[in-house]
Amino acid sequence: MKYVLAAIAGIWMADGLALLVAPRLVIARVREVLALSSTVLRWEGVAVCLGVLLLWGTVGLHYEPLWMATGLAMVVKGIFLAFGPEQLRKNVLDWCLHREDVDYRFWGLALCTLALLLLHAVGWLGNE
């Protein structure tokens, strides 16, 4: 399970660093992909599965309330984006994809922080 959690942390770190370094480019690519095919949102099932793994795999680890809240947020977001009402989902995505660069950088910083905290919780960073 530690390897799965480390993989989740790796995904968060990669996404976070991309948003910190080149938020405009990342969001432009996301807009292009969504414009070409909205079925990409079906990949949100992966987010739901990873959220469930986070909920299940972090029981007893440091920062457990953080992982429970994060895992629950991943599950809710994934279910909403996969099965939510089309118009509401479109409005939320439009709002999310038309923010200022600084907003994306804050999300990137948050993702990097989550990644480091998760690696620390599973014992891969610091003295555990």
N, C-alpha and C. Protein backbone atom coordinates (compact mmCIF):
# COMPACT_ATOMS: atom_id res chain seq x y z
N MET A 1 0.83 -1.20 0.00
CA MET A 1 0.00 0.00 0.00
C MET A 1 0.87 1.26 0.00
N LYS A 2 2.06 1.18 0.63
CA LYS A 2 2.92 2.35 0.65
C LYS A 2 3.31 2.80 -0.76
N TYR A 3 3.47 1.83 -1.66
CA TYR A 3 3.85 2.19 -3.02
C TYR A 3 2.70 2.87 -3.77
N VAL A 4 1.48 2.44 -3.50
CA VAL A 4 0.32 3.09 -4.12
C VAL A 4 0.20 4.51 -3.60
N LEU A 5 0.37 4.69 -2.30
CA LEU A 5 0.30 6.04 -1.72
C LEU A 5 1.44 6.91 -2.25
N ALA A 6 2.62 6.33 -2.42
CA ALA A 6 3.74 7.09 -2.99
C ALA A 6 3.44 7.46 -4.44
N ALA A 7 2.76 6.59 -5.17
CA ALA A 7 2.38 6.91 -6.55
C ALA A 7 1.40 8.08 -6.58
N ILE A 8 0.44 8.07 -5.66
CA ILE A 8 -0.49 9.20 -5.56
C ILE A 8 0.28 10.48 -5.26
N ALA A 9 1.23 10.40 -4.34
CA ALA A 9 2.06 11.57 -4.03
C ALA A 9 2.85 12.02 -5.25
N GLY A 10 3.34 11.08 -6.03
CA GLY A 10 4.07 11.43 -7.25
C GLY A 10 3.20 12.16 -8.26
N ILE A 11 1.96 11.70 -8.41
CA ILE A 11 1.03 12.37 -9.31
C ILE A 11 0.77 13.79 -8.84
N TRP A 12 0.52 13.92 -7.52
CA TRP A 12 0.29 15.27 -6.96
C TRP A 12 1.50 16.17 -7.18
N MET A 13 2.70 15.63 -6.95
CA MET A 13 3.91 16.43 -7.09
C MET A 13 4.10 16.86 -8.55
N ALA A 14 3.91 15.95 -9.48
CA ALA A 14 4.06 16.30 -10.90
C ALA A 14 3.05 17.37 -11.32
N ASP A 15 1.80 17.18 -10.93
CA ASP A 15 0.77 18.18 -11.26
C ASP A 15 1.07 19.51 -10.60
N GLY A 16 1.47 19.46 -9.34
CA GLY A 16 1.76 20.68 -8.60
C GLY A 16 2.92 21.46 -9.19
N LEU A 17 4.00 20.75 -9.53
CA LEU A 17 5.15 21.43 -10.12
C LEU A 17 4.81 22.02 -11.49
N ALA A 18 4.02 21.29 -12.27
CA ALA A 18 3.60 21.82 -13.57
C ALA A 18 2.79 23.09 -13.40
N LEU A 19 1.89 23.11 -12.42
CA LEU A 19 1.08 24.32 -12.19
C LEU A 19 1.93 25.46 -11.63
N LEU A 20 2.96 25.16 -10.87
CA LEU A 20 3.83 26.21 -10.35
C LEU A 20 4.70 26.82 -11.45
N VAL A 21 5.21 25.97 -12.33
CA VAL A 21 6.17 26.42 -13.34
C VAL A 21 5.48 27.04 -14.56
N ALA A 22 4.45 26.38 -15.06
CA ALA A 22 3.82 26.84 -16.30
C ALA A 22 2.30 26.70 -16.23
N PRO A 23 1.65 27.48 -15.37
CA PRO A 23 0.20 27.31 -15.22
C PRO A 23 -0.58 27.61 -16.49
N ARG A 24 -0.18 28.62 -17.22
CA ARG A 24 -0.91 29.00 -18.43
C ARG A 24 -0.84 27.88 -19.48
N LEU A 25 0.32 27.28 -19.64
CA LEU A 25 0.49 26.19 -20.60
C LEU A 25 -0.32 24.96 -20.19
N VAL A 26 -0.28 24.60 -18.92
CA VAL A 26 -1.01 23.43 -18.43
C VAL A 26 -2.51 23.61 -18.64
N ILE A 27 -3.02 24.75 -18.24
CA ILE A 27 -4.46 24.99 -18.36
C ILE A 27 -4.88 25.09 -19.83
N ALA A 28 -4.02 25.65 -20.67
CA ALA A 28 -4.32 25.70 -22.11
C ALA A 28 -4.45 24.28 -22.67
N ARG A 29 -3.57 23.38 -22.26
CA ARG A 29 -3.64 21.98 -22.72
C ARG A 29 -4.91 21.31 -22.21
N VAL A 30 -5.27 21.58 -20.96
CA VAL A 30 -6.50 21.00 -20.42
C VAL A 30 -7.71 21.49 -21.19
N ARG A 31 -7.74 22.79 -21.51
CA ARG A 31 -8.84 23.34 -22.30
C ARG A 31 -8.92 22.68 -23.68
N GLU A 32 -7.76 22.48 -24.32
CA GLU A 32 -7.72 21.84 -25.64
C GLU A 32 -8.27 20.42 -25.57
N VAL A 33 -7.84 19.67 -24.58
CA VAL A 33 -8.28 18.29 -24.45
C VAL A 33 -9.78 18.23 -24.22
N LEU A 34 -10.29 19.08 -23.35
CA LEU A 34 -11.73 19.09 -23.08
C LEU A 34 -12.53 19.55 -24.29
N ALA A 35 -11.98 20.47 -25.08
CA ALA A 35 -12.68 20.93 -26.27
C ALA A 35 -12.74 19.83 -27.33
N LEU A 36 -11.70 19.03 -27.41
CA LEU A 36 -11.67 17.96 -28.41
C LEU A 36 -12.55 16.78 -28.02
N SER A 37 -12.56 16.46 -26.73
CA SER A 37 -13.30 15.28 -26.31
C SER A 37 -13.69 15.41 -24.84
N SER A 38 -14.96 15.56 -24.60
CA SER A 38 -15.42 15.65 -23.22
C SER A 38 -15.46 14.28 -22.54
N THR A 39 -15.25 13.20 -23.31
CA THR A 39 -15.25 11.87 -22.70
C THR A 39 -14.01 11.65 -21.84
N VAL A 40 -13.05 12.56 -21.91
CA VAL A 40 -11.89 12.47 -21.04
C VAL A 40 -12.34 12.53 -19.59
N LEU A 41 -13.47 13.17 -19.35
CA LEU A 41 -13.98 13.26 -17.99
C LEU A 41 -14.31 11.89 -17.42
N ARG A 42 -14.48 10.90 -18.25
CA ARG A 42 -14.75 9.54 -17.75
C ARG A 42 -13.54 8.99 -16.99
N TRP A 43 -12.38 9.60 -17.20
CA TRP A 43 -11.19 9.21 -16.45
C TRP A 43 -11.33 9.59 -14.98
N GLU A 44 -12.36 10.33 -14.66
CA GLU A 44 -12.59 10.69 -13.27
C GLU A 44 -12.83 9.46 -12.41
N GLY A 45 -13.19 8.35 -13.04
CA GLY A 45 -13.31 7.08 -12.31
C GLY A 45 -11.99 6.70 -11.65
N VAL A 46 -10.89 7.06 -12.28
CA VAL A 46 -9.57 6.81 -11.70
C VAL A 46 -9.41 7.65 -10.43
N ALA A 47 -9.86 8.90 -10.48
CA ALA A 47 -9.79 9.76 -9.30
C ALA A 47 -10.61 9.19 -8.16
N VAL A 48 -11.77 8.64 -8.49
CA VAL A 48 -12.62 8.02 -7.45
C VAL A 48 -11.89 6.84 -6.83
N CYS A 49 -11.30 5.99 -7.66
CA CYS A 49 -10.58 4.82 -7.15
C CYS A 49 -9.39 5.23 -6.29
N LEU A 50 -8.63 6.22 -6.74
CA LEU A 50 -7.50 6.69 -5.95
C LEU A 50 -7.95 7.33 -4.64
N GLY A 51 -9.08 8.03 -4.68
CA GLY A 51 -9.63 8.60 -3.45
C GLY A 51 -10.02 7.53 -2.46
N VAL A 52 -10.62 6.45 -2.95
CA VAL A 52 -10.99 5.33 -2.07
C VAL A 52 -9.73 4.68 -1.50
N LEU A 53 -8.71 4.51 -2.34
CA LEU A 53 -7.44 3.95 -1.85
C LEU A 53 -6.82 4.85 -0.79
N LEU A 54 -6.92 6.15 -0.99
CA LEU A 54 -6.39 7.10 -0.01
C LEU A 54 -7.16 6.98 1.31
N LEU A 55 -8.48 6.88 1.21
CA LEU A 55 -9.29 6.72 2.42
C LEU A 55 -8.94 5.42 3.16
N TRP A 56 -8.79 4.36 2.42
CA TRP A 56 -8.55 3.05 3.01
C TRP A 56 -7.09 2.86 3.45
N GLY A 57 -6.16 3.36 2.65
CA GLY A 57 -4.75 3.09 2.90
C GLY A 57 -4.08 3.98 3.91
N THR A 58 -4.72 5.06 4.32
CA THR A 58 -4.06 5.99 5.24
C THR A 58 -4.59 5.89 6.66
N VAL A 59 -5.40 4.88 6.93
CA VAL A 59 -5.92 4.70 8.28
C VAL A 59 -4.73 4.42 9.21
N GLY A 60 -4.62 5.21 10.24
CA GLY A 60 -3.55 5.04 11.21
C GLY A 60 -2.28 5.81 10.90
N LEU A 61 -2.20 6.46 9.75
CA LEU A 61 -1.01 7.25 9.42
C LEU A 61 -1.09 8.65 10.02
N HIS A 62 0.06 9.32 10.05
CA HIS A 62 0.08 10.72 10.47
C HIS A 62 -0.85 11.52 9.57
N TYR A 63 -1.42 12.56 10.13
CA TYR A 63 -2.30 13.48 9.41
C TYR A 63 -3.55 12.78 8.89
N GLU A 64 -4.03 11.77 9.61
CA GLU A 64 -5.17 10.97 9.13
C GLU A 64 -6.40 11.82 8.77
N PRO A 65 -6.77 12.83 9.57
CA PRO A 65 -7.94 13.64 9.16
C PRO A 65 -7.74 14.34 7.80
N LEU A 66 -6.51 14.75 7.52
CA LEU A 66 -6.20 15.37 6.23
C LEU A 66 -6.44 14.39 5.09
N TRP A 67 -6.00 13.15 5.28
CA TRP A 67 -6.16 12.14 4.22
C TRP A 67 -7.62 11.75 4.05
N MET A 68 -8.36 11.72 5.14
CA MET A 68 -9.79 11.41 5.03
C MET A 68 -10.51 12.51 4.25
N ALA A 69 -10.21 13.76 4.56
CA ALA A 69 -10.84 14.89 3.87
C ALA A 69 -10.41 14.92 2.40
N THR A 70 -9.15 14.68 2.14
CA THR A 70 -8.65 14.71 0.77
C THR A 70 -9.22 13.55 -0.05
N GLY A 71 -9.23 12.36 0.53
CA GLY A 71 -9.80 11.21 -0.17
C GLY A 71 -11.27 11.39 -0.46
N LEU A 72 -12.00 11.92 0.50
CA LEU A 72 -13.43 12.18 0.31
C LEU A 72 -13.64 13.24 -0.78
N ALA A 73 -12.81 14.27 -0.79
CA ALA A 73 -12.91 15.30 -1.82
C ALA A 73 -12.63 14.71 -3.21
N MET A 74 -11.65 13.81 -3.29
CA MET A 74 -11.35 13.18 -4.58
C MET A 74 -12.53 12.36 -5.07
N VAL A 75 -13.15 11.61 -4.17
CA VAL A 75 -14.30 10.78 -4.54
C VAL A 75 -15.47 11.65 -4.99
N VAL A 76 -15.78 12.67 -4.22
CA VAL A 76 -16.91 13.55 -4.56
C VAL A 76 -16.66 14.26 -5.88
N LYS A 77 -15.45 14.80 -6.07
CA LYS A 77 -15.11 15.49 -7.32
C LYS A 77 -15.21 14.54 -8.50
N GLY A 78 -14.68 13.34 -8.35
CA GLY A 78 -14.72 12.38 -9.44
C GLY A 78 -16.14 11.97 -9.82
N ILE A 79 -16.96 11.73 -8.82
CA ILE A 79 -18.36 11.36 -9.09
C ILE A 79 -19.10 12.52 -9.74
N PHE A 80 -18.87 13.73 -9.25
CA PHE A 80 -19.53 14.90 -9.83
C PHE A 80 -19.13 15.09 -11.29
N LEU A 81 -17.82 15.02 -11.58
CA LEU A 81 -17.38 15.26 -12.95
C LEU A 81 -17.76 14.12 -13.89
N ALA A 82 -17.92 12.92 -13.37
CA ALA A 82 -18.29 11.79 -14.23
C ALA A 82 -19.79 11.70 -14.45
N PHE A 83 -20.58 12.01 -13.42
CA PHE A 83 -22.01 11.76 -13.50
C PHE A 83 -22.89 12.96 -13.19
N GLY A 84 -22.29 14.11 -12.92
CA GLY A 84 -23.08 15.29 -12.54
C GLY A 84 -23.88 15.84 -13.71
N PRO A 85 -24.82 16.73 -13.41
CA PRO A 85 -25.61 17.37 -14.47
C PRO A 85 -24.70 18.11 -15.45
N GLU A 86 -24.96 17.93 -16.72
CA GLU A 86 -24.10 18.46 -17.78
C GLU A 86 -23.89 19.97 -17.66
N GLN A 87 -24.96 20.73 -17.49
CA GLN A 87 -24.83 22.19 -17.45
C GLN A 87 -24.06 22.65 -16.21
N LEU A 88 -24.35 22.06 -15.07
CA LEU A 88 -23.63 22.43 -13.85
C LEU A 88 -22.15 22.07 -13.96
N ARG A 89 -21.88 20.89 -14.50
CA ARG A 89 -20.48 20.46 -14.69
C ARG A 89 -19.76 21.42 -15.64
N LYS A 90 -20.43 21.82 -16.71
CA LYS A 90 -19.82 22.76 -17.67
C LYS A 90 -19.54 24.10 -16.99
N ASN A 91 -20.47 24.60 -16.20
CA ASN A 91 -20.27 25.87 -15.50
C ASN A 91 -19.10 25.80 -14.53
N VAL A 92 -19.00 24.71 -13.79
CA VAL A 92 -17.90 24.55 -12.83
C VAL A 92 -16.56 24.47 -13.57
N LEU A 93 -16.51 23.69 -14.65
CA LEU A 93 -15.26 23.59 -15.41
C LEU A 93 -14.88 24.92 -16.04
N ASP A 94 -15.85 25.65 -16.57
CA ASP A 94 -15.55 26.98 -17.13
C ASP A 94 -14.97 27.90 -16.06
N TRP A 95 -15.56 27.88 -14.88
CA TRP A 95 -15.06 28.72 -13.80
C TRP A 95 -13.64 28.31 -13.41
N CYS A 96 -13.41 27.00 -13.31
CA CYS A 96 -12.09 26.50 -12.89
C CYS A 96 -11.01 26.78 -13.94
N LEU A 97 -11.38 26.75 -15.21
CA LEU A 97 -10.38 26.88 -16.27
C LEU A 97 -10.19 28.31 -16.75
N HIS A 98 -10.79 29.27 -16.08
CA HIS A 98 -10.60 30.67 -16.45
C HIS A 98 -10.21 31.50 -15.23
N ARG A 99 -9.29 31.02 -14.47
CA ARG A 99 -8.76 31.70 -13.29
C ARG A 99 -7.47 32.44 -13.67
N GLU A 100 -7.00 33.24 -12.77
CA GLU A 100 -5.70 33.91 -12.94
C GLU A 100 -4.58 32.90 -12.69
N ASP A 101 -3.42 33.16 -13.27
CA ASP A 101 -2.28 32.25 -13.10
C ASP A 101 -1.92 32.04 -11.64
N VAL A 102 -2.05 33.08 -10.83
CA VAL A 102 -1.67 32.96 -9.42
C VAL A 102 -2.57 31.94 -8.71
N ASP A 103 -3.83 31.84 -9.11
CA ASP A 103 -4.71 30.85 -8.50
C ASP A 103 -4.22 29.44 -8.77
N TYR A 104 -3.78 29.19 -10.00
CA TYR A 104 -3.25 27.86 -10.34
C TYR A 104 -1.95 27.58 -9.60
N ARG A 105 -1.17 28.62 -9.38
CA ARG A 105 0.09 28.43 -8.64
C ARG A 105 -0.20 28.06 -7.18
N PHE A 106 -1.23 28.65 -6.60
CA PHE A 106 -1.60 28.25 -5.24
C PHE A 106 -2.06 26.81 -5.20
N TRP A 107 -2.83 26.37 -6.21
CA TRP A 107 -3.23 24.95 -6.28
C TRP A 107 -2.01 24.07 -6.44
N GLY A 108 -1.05 24.52 -7.26
CA GLY A 108 0.19 23.76 -7.43
C GLY A 108 0.95 23.63 -6.13
N LEU A 109 1.03 24.73 -5.39
CA LEU A 109 1.71 24.70 -4.09
C LEU A 109 1.00 23.76 -3.12
N ALA A 110 -0.33 23.77 -3.14
CA ALA A 110 -1.10 22.87 -2.28
C ALA A 110 -0.87 21.41 -2.66
N LEU A 111 -0.83 21.11 -3.95
CA LEU A 111 -0.58 19.74 -4.38
C LEU A 111 0.82 19.27 -3.98
N CYS A 112 1.81 20.13 -4.14
CA CYS A 112 3.18 19.78 -3.72
C CYS A 112 3.24 19.53 -2.22
N THR A 113 2.54 20.35 -1.45
CA THR A 113 2.50 20.18 0.00
C THR A 113 1.85 18.87 0.37
N LEU A 114 0.72 18.55 -0.26
CA LEU A 114 0.06 17.27 0.00
C LEU A 114 0.98 16.10 -0.33
N ALA A 115 1.70 16.21 -1.44
CA ALA A 115 2.61 15.14 -1.84
C ALA A 115 3.69 14.93 -0.78
N LEU A 116 4.30 16.01 -0.33
CA LEU A 116 5.36 15.88 0.68
C LEU A 116 4.81 15.35 2.00
N LEU A 117 3.64 15.80 2.41
CA LEU A 117 3.05 15.31 3.65
C LEU A 117 2.70 13.82 3.55
N LEU A 118 2.22 13.40 2.38
CA LEU A 118 1.90 11.98 2.22
C LEU A 118 3.16 11.13 2.24
N LEU A 119 4.20 11.60 1.59
CA LEU A 119 5.47 10.86 1.63
C LEU A 119 6.03 10.80 3.05
N HIS A 120 5.86 11.86 3.81
CA HIS A 120 6.30 11.85 5.20
C HIS A 120 5.45 10.88 6.01
N ALA A 121 4.15 10.86 5.77
CA ALA A 121 3.25 10.00 6.54
C ALA A 121 3.54 8.52 6.31
N VAL A 122 3.94 8.17 5.09
CA VAL A 122 4.24 6.74 4.83
C VAL A 122 5.68 6.40 5.18
N GLY A 123 6.44 7.39 5.63
CA GLY A 123 7.79 7.12 6.12
C GLY A 123 8.88 7.24 5.08
N TRP A 124 8.62 7.89 3.97
CA TRP A 124 9.63 8.03 2.93
C TRP A 124 10.40 9.33 3.03
N LEU A 125 9.95 10.26 3.88
CA LEU A 125 10.65 11.51 4.12
C LEU A 125 10.79 11.70 5.62
N GLY A 126 11.93 12.13 6.04
CA GLY A 126 12.12 12.39 7.47
C GLY A 126 12.30 11.11 8.26
N ASN A 127 12.49 11.28 9.54
CA ASN A 127 12.66 10.14 10.43
C ASN A 127 11.32 9.64 10.88
N GLU A 128 11.00 8.42 10.58
CA GLU A 128 9.70 7.84 10.91
C GLU A 128 9.91 6.64 11.82
